[in-house]
Protein backbone atom coordinates (compact mmCIF):
# COMPACT_ATOMS: atom_id res chain seq x y z
CA MET A 1 10.98 50.94 43.46
CA LEU A 2 8.73 53.35 45.30
CA VAL A 3 10.51 54.56 48.53
CA GLY A 4 10.36 57.70 50.51
CA LEU A 5 12.26 60.91 50.49
CA LYS A 6 14.62 59.88 53.38
CA GLU A 7 15.80 56.61 51.47
CA VAL A 8 16.44 58.64 48.42
CA ILE A 9 18.60 61.05 50.23
CA ALA A 10 20.60 58.24 52.03
CA GLU A 11 21.30 56.78 48.53
CA GLY A 12 22.42 60.01 47.46
CA LYS A 13 24.69 60.55 50.63
CA LYS A 14 25.92 56.96 50.27
CA ARG A 15 26.65 57.87 46.34
CA ASN A 16 28.15 61.11 46.94
CA MET A 17 25.64 62.34 44.32
CA ALA A 18 22.78 65.21 44.39
CA ILE A 19 19.31 63.66 43.60
CA GLY A 20 17.08 65.23 40.81
CA SER A 21 13.62 66.34 41.59
CA PHE A 22 11.38 66.85 38.29
CA ASN A 23 8.03 68.01 37.96
CA THR A 24 6.31 65.74 35.64
CA PRO A 25 2.81 67.01 34.65
CA ASN A 26 2.09 64.60 32.17
CA LEU A 27 2.97 61.20 31.07
CA GLU A 28 5.49 61.98 28.76
CA CYS A 29 7.48 63.89 31.29
CA LEU A 30 7.21 61.06 33.60
CA LEU A 31 8.29 58.43 31.37
CA ALA A 32 11.30 60.76 30.23
CA VAL A 33 12.64 60.86 33.82
CA LEU A 34 12.10 57.43 34.99
CA ASP A 35 13.88 56.43 31.48
CA ALA A 36 16.81 58.58 31.95
CA ALA A 37 17.25 57.33 35.58
CA GLU A 38 17.15 53.82 35.09
CA GLU A 39 19.15 54.26 32.19
CA LEU A 40 21.86 55.87 34.50
CA ASP A 41 21.09 53.93 37.63
CA VAL A 42 20.30 56.51 39.51
CA PRO A 43 17.35 57.51 42.07
CA VAL A 44 15.09 60.24 41.32
CA ILE A 45 12.25 62.29 42.66
CA ILE A 46 9.12 62.68 40.71
CA ALA A 47 6.88 65.80 41.64
CA HIS A 48 3.74 66.89 40.90
CA ALA A 49 2.90 70.83 41.43
CA GLN A 50 -0.52 72.38 42.06
CA CYS A 51 -0.07 74.48 39.37
CA HIS A 52 -0.15 71.81 36.90
CA GLU A 53 -3.69 71.05 37.89
CA ALA A 54 -5.57 72.22 34.98
CA ILE A 55 -3.52 70.01 32.39
CA SER A 56 -3.02 67.08 34.68
CA PRO A 57 -5.39 66.59 37.60
CA LEU A 58 -3.64 64.98 40.68
CA ASP A 59 -6.28 62.45 40.94
CA ARG A 60 -5.22 61.34 37.28
CA ILE A 61 -1.46 61.54 37.00
CA GLY A 62 -0.89 61.09 41.07
CA PRO A 63 -1.96 57.06 40.64
CA VAL A 64 0.12 56.94 37.35
CA MET A 65 3.31 58.15 39.18
CA VAL A 66 2.57 55.66 42.00
CA ALA A 67 2.38 52.85 39.78
CA LEU A 68 5.20 53.93 37.48
CA ALA A 69 7.37 54.37 40.81
CA LYS A 70 6.85 50.95 42.06
CA ALA A 71 7.58 49.47 38.84
CA SER A 72 10.83 51.51 38.28
CA LYS A 73 14.57 49.47 38.74
CA VAL A 74 15.63 52.43 40.52
CA LYS A 75 14.32 54.28 43.88
CA VAL A 76 11.89 56.85 42.92
CA CYS A 77 10.19 59.11 45.37
CA ALA A 78 6.96 60.50 44.47
CA HIS A 79 6.31 64.14 46.05
CA LEU A 80 3.76 66.66 45.97
CA ASP A 81 5.75 70.07 45.01
CA HIS A 82 4.18 73.57 45.67
CA GLY A 83 0.84 72.67 47.35
CA GLU A 84 -1.08 76.09 47.43
CA SER A 85 -3.47 75.28 49.91
CA PHE A 86 -3.66 73.20 52.89
CA ASP A 87 -6.95 71.07 51.14
CA TYR A 88 -5.08 70.34 48.05
CA CYS A 89 -1.99 69.12 50.26
CA LYS A 90 -4.29 66.96 52.45
CA ARG A 91 -5.70 65.20 48.83
């Protein structure tokens, strides 16, 4: 289920655990992180960094990240990690 960062952090506090954040620059990484989170029944943060733009443009991977987060059985926060310019962050 797609949730905001506050909800993921609150879940971590409630369960006395850290929340992993993973850059997921391609579908294989994204599926691996979400499958592991579901198997372990833990919330997770999936992230995209601007430095991955050449191999996985935000316009393509972003909607996939959001759709898979919504379909997940665990709480998932989608996060833009390391935006290098204000214009990129606005996207």
